[in-house]
Protein backbone atom coordinates (compact mmCIF):
# COMPACT_ATOMS: atom_id res chain seq x y z
CA MET A 1 -0.11 0.06 0.09
CA THR A 2 2.88 2.15 0.75
CA PHE A 3 4.49 1.56 -2.57
CA PHE A 4 1.32 2.14 -4.60
CA ILE A 5 1.08 5.84 -2.67
CA GLU A 6 4.98 6.58 -2.97
CA ASN A 7 4.80 5.81 -6.88
CA ILE A 8 1.38 7.08 -7.41
CA ASP A 9 2.84 9.38 -10.10
CA ARG A 10 4.50 6.82 -12.14
CA LEU A 11 1.36 4.81 -11.73
CA TRP A 12 -1.00 7.28 -13.09
CA LEU A 13 1.24 7.87 -16.13
CA ALA A 14 1.30 4.12 -16.82
CA VAL A 15 -2.42 4.34 -16.27
CA VAL A 16 -3.16 7.05 -18.70
CA VAL A 17 -0.88 5.30 -21.50
CA ILE A 18 -2.58 2.32 -20.92
CA ALA A 19 -6.26 3.75 -21.24
CA GLY A 20 -4.80 5.56 -24.35
CA ALA A 21 -3.53 2.37 -25.94
CA VAL A 22 -7.19 0.83 -25.24
CA GLY A 23 -8.93 3.30 -26.54
CA VAL A 24 -6.89 3.53 -29.82
CA VAL A 25 -7.24 -0.16 -30.02
CA SER A 26 -11.10 0.28 -29.36
CA LEU A 27 -11.15 2.87 -31.92
CA GLY A 28 -9.59 1.01 -34.68
CA LEU A 29 -12.10 -2.18 -33.80
CA PHE A 30 -15.03 -0.18 -33.74
CA THR A 31 -13.66 1.25 -37.26
CA VAL A 32 -13.00 -1.89 -38.74
CA TRP A 33 -16.48 -3.22 -37.29
CA GLY A 34 -18.40 -0.31 -38.56
CA ARG A 35 -16.74 -0.74 -42.13
CA ARG A 36 -17.60 -4.30 -42.31
CA LYS A 37 -21.17 -3.80 -41.05
CA HIS A 38 -21.63 -0.89 -43.65
CA ALA A 39 -20.23 -3.32 -46.15
CA ASP A 40 -22.74 -5.93 -45.02
CA LEU A 41 -25.36 -3.48 -45.40
CA ASP A 42 -24.73 -2.52 -48.97
CA ALA A 43 -24.30 -6.18 -50.09
CA ARG A 44 -27.55 -6.66 -48.52
CA ALA A 45 -29.30 -3.69 -50.10
CA GLU A 46 -27.94 -4.79 -53.07
CA LYS A 47 -29.12 -8.55 -52.93
CA ARG A 48 -32.69 -6.80 -52.22
CA ALA A 49 -32.37 -4.40 -55.02
CA LEU A 50 -31.28 -7.38 -57.47
CA ARG A 51 -34.28 -9.55 -56.03
CA MET A 52 -36.61 -6.55 -56.33
CA VAL A 53 -35.53 -5.98 -60.18
CA LYS A 54 -35.93 -9.81 -60.83
CA GLU A 55 -39.33 -10.02 -59.33
CA MET A 56 -40.60 -6.98 -61.45
CA GLU A 57 -39.16 -8.56 -64.43
CA ALA A 58 -41.06 -11.74 -63.78
CA GLN A 59 -44.13 -9.82 -62.85
CA GLY A 60 -43.73 -7.75 -66.39
CA LYS A 61 -43.13 -11.17 -68.25
CA THR A 62 -46.24 -12.65 -66.16
CA SER A 63 -48.38 -9.91 -66.98
CA LEU A 64 -47.34 -9.75 -70.70
CA LEU A 65 -48.14 -13.36 -70.89
CA GLU A 66 -51.61 -13.07 -69.34
CA GLU A 67 -52.34 -9.78 -71.61
CA LYS A 68 -51.50 -12.05 -74.76
CA ARG A 69 -53.51 -15.15 -73.49
CA GLU A 70 -56.43 -12.63 -72.84
CA TRP A 71 -55.91 -11.25 -76.46
CA HIS A 72 -55.89 -14.62 -77.98
CA LYS A 73 -58.87 -15.61 -76.08
CA THR A 74 -60.73 -12.72 -77.17
CA ARG A 75 -59.99 -13.28 -80.75
CA ALA A 76 -61.12 -16.67 -80.42
CA ASN A 77 -64.09 -15.53 -78.92
CA GLN A 78 -64.89 -13.10 -81.78
CA GLU A 79 -63.98 -15.67 -84.51
CA SER A 80 -66.30 -18.21 -83.14
CA GLU A 81 -69.02 -15.11 -82.89
CA LEU A 82 -68.41 -14.31 -86.66
CA THR A 83 -68.14 -17.77 -87.27
CA SER A 84 -71.79 -18.55 -85.70
CA LYS A 85 -73.19 -15.43 -87.00
CA ARG A 86 -72.21 -16.39 -90.52
CA LEU A 87 -73.88 -19.57 -89.99
CA GLU A 88 -77.04 -18.12 -88.62
CA THR A 89 -76.79 -15.63 -91.58
CA GLU A 90 -76.37 -18.35 -94.36
CA SER A 91 -79.56 -20.46 -92.84
CA ALA A 92 -81.61 -17.58 -92.69
CA ASP A 93 -80.46 -16.99 -96.53
CA GLN A 94 -81.48 -20.75 -96.98
CA ALA A 95 -84.79 -20.50 -95.46
CA LEU A 96 -85.46 -17.19 -97.11
CA ALA A 97 -84.73 -18.85 -100.54
CA MET A 98 -87.03 -21.87 -99.29
CA LYS A 99 -89.93 -19.38 -98.81
CA GLN A 100 -89.20 -17.41 -101.64
CA LYS A 101 -89.64 -20.86 -103.62
CA GLU A 102 -92.75 -21.71 -101.64
CA LEU A 103 -94.14 -18.64 -102.63
CA ASP A 104 -93.48 -18.84 -106.11
CA ARG A 105 -95.23 -22.38 -105.95
CA GLN A 106 -98.04 -20.93 -104.25
CA LEU A 107 -98.44 -18.16 -106.72
CA GLU A 108 -98.17 -20.61 -109.39
CA GLU A 109 -101.12 -22.55 -107.79
CA ALA A 110 -103.24 -19.42 -107.34
CA GLY A 111 -102.85 -18.65 -110.93
CA LEU A 112 -104.14 -22.30 -112.02
CA LYS A 113 -106.89 -22.05 -109.44
CA ALA A 114 -108.00 -18.80 -110.69
CA ASP A 115 -107.73 -20.20 -114.02
CA ARG A 116 -110.27 -23.00 -112.92
CA LEU A 117 -112.31 -20.62 -111.06
CA THR A 118 -113.03 -18.78 -114.34
CA ILE A 119 -113.69 -21.71 -116.34
CA LEU A 120 -115.98 -22.67 -113.56
CA GLU A 121 -117.90 -19.34 -113.81
CA GLU A 122 -118.61 -19.81 -117.14
CA ASP A 123 -119.95 -23.18 -116.61
CA VAL A 124 -122.18 -21.88 -113.76
CA ALA A 125 -123.54 -19.18 -116.07
CA ALA A 126 -124.15 -21.56 -118.94
CA GLU A 127 -126.00 -23.99 -116.30
CA GLU A 128 -128.07 -20.76 -114.70
CA ASN A 129 -129.26 -19.88 -118.36
CA ARG A 130 -130.44 -23.26 -119.15
CA ILE A 131 -131.97 -23.59 -115.67
CA GLN A 132 -134.01 -20.44 -116.60
CA GLN A 133 -134.84 -21.47 -120.22
CA GLN A 134 -136.41 -24.78 -118.72
CA GLU A 135 -138.25 -22.99 -116.01
CA GLN A 136 -139.71 -20.59 -118.63
CA ARG A 137 -140.72 -23.67 -120.66
CA LEU A 138 -141.88 -25.54 -117.30
CA SER A 139 -144.13 -22.02 -116.71
CA GLU A 140 -145.58 -22.30 -120.07
CA SER A 141 -146.42 -25.77 -119.65
CA THR A 142 -147.91 -25.80 -116.52
CA ALA A 143 -150.05 -22.80 -117.49
CA GLU A 144 -151.40 -24.88 -120.41
CA TYR A 145 -152.11 -27.68 -118.28
CA ARG A 146 -154.19 -25.74 -116.02
CA ARG A 147 -156.47 -24.47 -118.94
CA ARG A 148 -156.88 -27.91 -119.97
CA LEU A 149 -157.85 -29.06 -116.75
CA GLU A 150 -160.20 -26.17 -116.26
CA ASN A 151 -161.53 -27.18 -119.95
CA ILE A 152 -162.00 -30.65 -118.70
CA ALA A 153 -163.40 -30.62 -115.28
CA LYS A 154 -165.47 -27.43 -116.00
CA LEU A 155 -164.24 -26.16 -112.71
CA SER A 156 -161.80 -22.65 -111.94
CA ALA A 157 -158.43 -23.30 -110.39
CA GLU A 158 -159.76 -21.71 -107.01
CA GLU A 159 -162.72 -24.25 -106.73
CA ALA A 160 -160.53 -27.27 -107.34
CA ARG A 161 -158.27 -25.97 -104.76
CA GLN A 162 -161.14 -25.48 -102.19
CA GLU A 163 -162.18 -29.13 -102.84
CA LEU A 164 -158.58 -30.40 -102.29
CA ARG A 165 -158.16 -28.18 -99.18
CA GLU A 166 -161.32 -30.19 -97.88
CA GLU A 167 -160.41 -33.58 -98.71
CA LEU A 168 -156.79 -32.89 -97.22
CA MET A 169 -158.49 -31.47 -94.06
CA GLY A 170 -160.58 -34.64 -93.42
CA GLN A 171 -157.52 -36.77 -94.10
CA VAL A 172 -155.38 -34.86 -91.60
CA LYS A 173 -158.01 -34.77 -89.02
CA GLN A 174 -158.53 -38.58 -89.10
CA GLN A 175 -154.39 -38.83 -89.05
CA ALA A 176 -153.91 -36.64 -86.18
CA ALA A 177 -156.71 -38.40 -84.12
CA GLN A 178 -154.95 -41.73 -84.65
CA LYS A 179 -151.47 -40.03 -83.84
CA LEU A 180 -152.89 -38.33 -80.59
CA ARG A 181 -154.42 -41.61 -79.61
CA ASP A 182 -151.16 -43.41 -79.96
CA LEU A 183 -149.28 -40.69 -78.27
CA MET A 184 -151.51 -41.26 -75.37
CA ASP A 185 -150.86 -45.00 -75.13
CA HIS A 186 -147.14 -44.45 -75.60
CA THR A 187 -147.33 -41.79 -73.12
CA LYS A 188 -148.99 -43.85 -70.65
CA GLU A 189 -146.43 -47.03 -71.03
CA ASP A 190 -143.60 -44.58 -70.61
CA ALA A 191 -145.25 -43.03 -67.52
CA ALA A 192 -145.48 -46.48 -65.90
CA ARG A 193 -142.35 -47.38 -67.08
CA GLU A 194 -140.61 -44.30 -65.47
CA ALA A 195 -142.62 -44.62 -62.13
CA LYS A 196 -141.64 -48.08 -61.90
CA LYS A 197 -137.94 -47.06 -62.51
CA VAL A 198 -138.02 -44.26 -60.09
CA ILE A 199 -139.41 -46.41 -57.42
CA SER A 200 -137.09 -49.07 -57.78
CA LEU A 201 -133.94 -46.81 -57.86
CA ALA A 202 -135.13 -45.09 -54.66
CA ILE A 203 -135.70 -48.41 -52.87
CA ASN A 204 -132.16 -49.46 -54.13
CA ARG A 205 -130.60 -46.39 -52.57
CA CYS A 206 -132.67 -46.58 -49.44
CA ALA A 207 -131.18 -48.87 -46.52
CA VAL A 208 -132.79 -48.31 -42.87
CA ASP A 209 -132.21 -50.47 -40.21
CA GLN A 210 -135.17 -53.04 -39.33
CA SER A 211 -136.09 -54.23 -35.73
CA THR A 212 -138.82 -55.72 -34.37
CA GLN A 213 -140.48 -55.43 -30.66
CA SER A 214 -142.79 -57.47 -28.62
CA SER A 215 -145.03 -56.64 -26.00
CA VAL A 216 -142.91 -57.60 -23.14
CA ALA A 217 -139.55 -56.43 -21.87
CA VAL A 218 -137.21 -58.30 -19.70
CA VAL A 219 -134.94 -56.85 -16.57
CA PRO A 220 -132.07 -58.44 -15.80
CA LEU A 221 -131.23 -58.78 -11.97
CA PRO A 222 -128.13 -58.88 -10.32
CA ASN A 223 -129.04 -61.73 -8.15
CA GLU A 224 -132.33 -63.87 -7.16
CA GLN A 225 -132.53 -62.18 -3.74
CA ILE A 226 -133.47 -58.98 -5.24
CA LYS A 227 -137.10 -60.72 -6.16
CA ALA A 228 -137.88 -60.57 -2.70
CA ARG A 229 -137.57 -57.09 -2.57
CA ILE A 230 -139.42 -56.26 -5.98
CA ILE A 231 -142.66 -58.48 -4.41
CA GLY A 232 -142.30 -56.94 -0.91
CA LYS A 233 -144.33 -57.62 1.94
CA ASP A 234 -147.44 -59.47 1.21
CA GLY A 235 -146.79 -58.57 -2.35
CA ARG A 236 -147.13 -54.38 -1.51
CA ASN A 237 -144.05 -53.47 -3.46
CA ILE A 238 -145.23 -55.14 -6.76
CA ARG A 239 -148.56 -54.04 -6.47
CA THR A 240 -147.58 -50.36 -6.08
CA PHE A 241 -145.43 -50.77 -8.93
CA GLU A 242 -148.28 -52.21 -11.47
CA ALA A 243 -150.74 -49.71 -9.95
CA THR A 244 -148.39 -46.85 -10.76
CA SER A 245 -146.96 -47.70 -13.90
CA GLY A 246 -150.11 -49.65 -15.62
CA VAL A 247 -148.04 -52.85 -16.42
CA LYS A 248 -147.88 -56.39 -15.44
CA VAL A 249 -144.94 -57.68 -13.35
CA MET A 250 -144.32 -61.42 -13.64
CA VAL A 251 -141.58 -62.54 -11.16
CA ASP A 252 -141.36 -66.38 -12.06
CA ASP A 253 -138.80 -69.00 -12.15
CA THR A 254 -136.98 -67.10 -14.81
CA PRO A 255 -133.33 -66.95 -13.44
CA GLU A 256 -131.98 -63.50 -12.47
CA ALA A 257 -134.84 -61.65 -14.67
CA VAL A 258 -137.95 -59.90 -14.31
CA VAL A 259 -140.58 -59.50 -17.13
CA ILE A 260 -142.87 -56.60 -17.72
CA SER A 261 -145.91 -57.11 -20.21
CA CYS A 262 -147.74 -54.48 -21.47
CA PHE A 263 -149.34 -53.64 -24.80
CA ASP A 264 -148.64 -49.93 -24.70
CA PRO A 265 -145.08 -49.31 -25.51
CA ILE A 266 -144.94 -46.05 -23.96
CA GLN A 267 -145.55 -47.58 -20.31
CA ARG A 268 -143.83 -50.41 -20.75
CA GLU A 269 -140.67 -48.21 -21.39
CA ILE A 270 -141.49 -46.27 -18.20
CA ALA A 271 -141.88 -49.21 -16.23
CA ARG A 272 -138.57 -51.08 -17.62
CA THR A 273 -136.52 -47.74 -17.10
CA ALA A 274 -138.03 -47.61 -13.36
CA MET A 275 -137.35 -51.29 -12.55
CA GLU A 276 -133.81 -51.03 -13.84
CA GLN A 277 -133.46 -47.80 -11.49
CA LEU A 278 -134.80 -49.73 -8.49
CA VAL A 279 -132.98 -52.68 -9.05
CA SER A 280 -129.40 -50.79 -9.72
CA THR A 281 -129.68 -48.86 -6.07
CA GLY A 282 -131.53 -51.98 -4.25
CA LYS A 283 -133.79 -49.58 -2.38
CA ILE A 284 -137.25 -50.74 -3.40
CA THR A 285 -140.14 -49.13 -1.31
CA GLN A 286 -143.59 -48.02 -1.93
CA ASN A 287 -142.84 -44.42 -1.72
CA ARG A 288 -139.58 -44.85 -3.79
CA ILE A 289 -141.50 -46.70 -6.25
CA GLU A 290 -143.88 -43.87 -7.15
CA ASP A 291 -140.97 -41.31 -7.21
CA VAL A 292 -138.87 -43.46 -9.56
CA ILE A 293 -141.61 -43.89 -11.90
CA GLY A 294 -142.42 -40.19 -11.85
CA LYS A 295 -138.91 -39.46 -12.74
CA SER A 296 -139.03 -42.13 -15.52
CA LYS A 297 -141.65 -40.42 -16.85
CA GLU A 298 -139.96 -37.16 -17.48
CA GLN A 299 -136.87 -38.88 -18.69
CA LEU A 300 -139.31 -40.64 -21.33
CA GLU A 301 -140.74 -37.25 -22.17
CA GLU A 302 -137.28 -35.78 -22.97
CA ARG A 303 -136.32 -38.85 -24.67
CA ILE A 304 -139.16 -38.54 -26.87
CA MET A 305 -138.33 -35.00 -28.00
CA LYS A 306 -134.82 -35.87 -28.28
CA GLU A 307 -135.68 -38.89 -30.56
CA GLY A 308 -138.29 -36.56 -32.53
CA ASN A 309 -135.25 -33.76 -32.98
CA THR A 310 -133.09 -36.46 -34.18
CA ALA A 311 -135.10 -37.95 -36.67
CA ILE A 312 -135.88 -34.50 -38.07
CA GLU A 313 -132.00 -33.50 -38.09
CA GLU A 314 -131.06 -36.81 -39.79
CA LEU A 315 -133.80 -36.14 -42.58
CA GLY A 316 -132.28 -32.44 -43.03
CA LEU A 317 -136.00 -31.14 -42.63
CA GLU A 318 -136.75 -27.34 -41.27
CA PRO A 319 -137.80 -27.36 -37.28
CA MET A 320 -141.23 -28.32 -36.86
CA HIS A 321 -143.72 -27.53 -34.17
CA LYS A 322 -143.08 -29.40 -30.73
CA ASP A 323 -146.28 -31.15 -30.91
CA ILE A 324 -145.40 -32.79 -34.05
CA ILE A 325 -141.63 -33.57 -33.01
CA ASN A 326 -143.25 -35.36 -29.85
CA LEU A 327 -145.62 -37.47 -32.13
CA VAL A 328 -142.50 -38.19 -34.25
CA GLY A 329 -140.59 -39.12 -31.03
CA ARG A 330 -143.61 -41.29 -29.89
CA LEU A 331 -142.89 -43.42 -33.20
CA ARG A 332 -139.90 -44.86 -31.65
CA PHE A 333 -141.68 -46.71 -29.08
CA ARG A 334 -144.49 -48.23 -31.57
CA THR A 335 -144.31 -51.31 -33.89
CA SER A 336 -146.20 -51.82 -36.82
CA TYR A 337 -146.29 -55.29 -38.61
CA GLY A 338 -143.37 -56.34 -36.49
CA GLN A 339 -141.37 -53.09 -37.64
CA ASN A 340 -140.61 -49.98 -35.50
CA ALA A 341 -142.92 -47.08 -36.50
CA LEU A 342 -140.08 -44.32 -36.23
CA PHE A 343 -137.73 -46.29 -38.62
CA HIS A 344 -140.39 -47.05 -41.14
CA SER A 345 -141.65 -43.73 -41.20
CA LYS A 346 -138.20 -42.40 -41.94
CA GLU A 347 -137.63 -45.19 -44.75
CA VAL A 348 -140.51 -43.68 -46.26
CA ALA A 349 -139.44 -40.40 -45.77
CA TYR A 350 -135.95 -41.41 -47.69
CA LEU A 351 -138.01 -42.98 -50.48
CA THR A 352 -140.43 -39.96 -51.03
CA GLY A 353 -137.08 -37.70 -51.46
CA MET A 354 -135.39 -39.99 -53.67
CA MET A 355 -138.59 -40.01 -55.72
CA ALA A 356 -139.22 -36.10 -55.08
CA VAL A 357 -135.41 -35.99 -57.10
CA GLU A 358 -136.14 -38.20 -59.66
CA ILE A 359 -139.28 -36.41 -60.87
CA GLY A 360 -138.10 -32.91 -60.06
CA ILE A 361 -140.17 -31.80 -57.47
CA ASP A 362 -139.02 -30.52 -53.67
CA GLN A 363 -137.22 -32.98 -51.87
CA SER A 364 -137.41 -31.43 -48.49
CA LEU A 365 -141.31 -31.22 -48.64
CA ALA A 366 -141.41 -34.62 -49.81
CA ARG A 367 -139.66 -36.07 -47.03
CA ARG A 368 -141.84 -34.19 -44.49
CA CYS A 369 -144.83 -35.47 -45.91
CA GLY A 370 -143.47 -39.01 -45.87
CA LEU A 371 -142.50 -38.48 -42.33
CA THR A 372 -145.66 -36.92 -40.61
CA LEU A 373 -148.09 -38.03 -43.22
CA HIS A 374 -147.79 -42.20 -43.90
CA SER A 375 -148.33 -43.17 -40.32
CA ASP A 376 -152.09 -42.87 -39.25
CA PRO A 377 -152.38 -39.61 -37.15
CA GLU A 378 -155.20 -40.84 -34.88
CA ARG A 379 -152.80 -43.95 -34.22
CA MET A 380 -149.98 -41.58 -33.55
CA LEU A 381 -152.36 -39.76 -30.94
CA THR A 382 -153.16 -42.56 -29.26
CA THR A 383 -149.48 -43.90 -28.81
């Protein structure tokens, strides 16, 4: 440490010399590196410039080729269009030439036809002259013949015409009378045949369900024990039921069934409905029997109106008075010769409607008459 302090002047000079040498060396190195760097940059710039020149030359050649190719393509298209137009022109010229030939041929034919027409006109004129001459000779011959007839018959033309008219009138009257008789006979035959055809067509096109009913109704029972409840103590329940409903109840050995007998179908239906309700609940007393039968009557009246309205709607008729609807509905519970009266009346309505269509009258009115007037009104009222 003391050595450094004592020789600091000499050391400082050495340090300065060393620093200067280092600076000179560094400057030289930096200069050399800068020159190399500049040379590299110049080389890169030159390479880039050469590459850009080459790329520009290549692009120029490519665009030139594209322009040349486009020019050839345009030329080919134009040549193709010129060729197609030339072909079209040639075909048009050919068509025009063919039309010209056809026109010349038609003109030639027209000339020939005109010549033939002239000849025909001359022939027609000659024929007309000949006919006129014949008519004139015929008129003269007719006048001469008439004069000769008048001289022979000692009658004038008017008198002869009158006698001929009277004779022809008598013959015409006889022929007309005979024709009228023949026409009437044919008309009757045609009318009978047409009527049979209309009726047969209507019957063939009409199909109504058929059903048969008897004077009894069977009510099924859930078990045999319920029969005792129906009869009641000392037969009170069954007598009350019969007196209230107006039917005959037969409780016999028929297994699990009760028979209701009555000639009135309305009363029989009321009794059947009431018995089914009593059996379904199992509560059978005298008071309940009367109540259930009363309700069954009300329900049946509603059903009668419903049946009547349904029948009228099925036939497509206009609304009717409620009394007529009630009468039509009651036909549902009446039979005639084993057939349900309502079904039969609807069948008649369909038949009358079809026959009305065939003969050209009002179909709705015909159906209405067939439904309401076919059945006996007195029997309807007593039903």
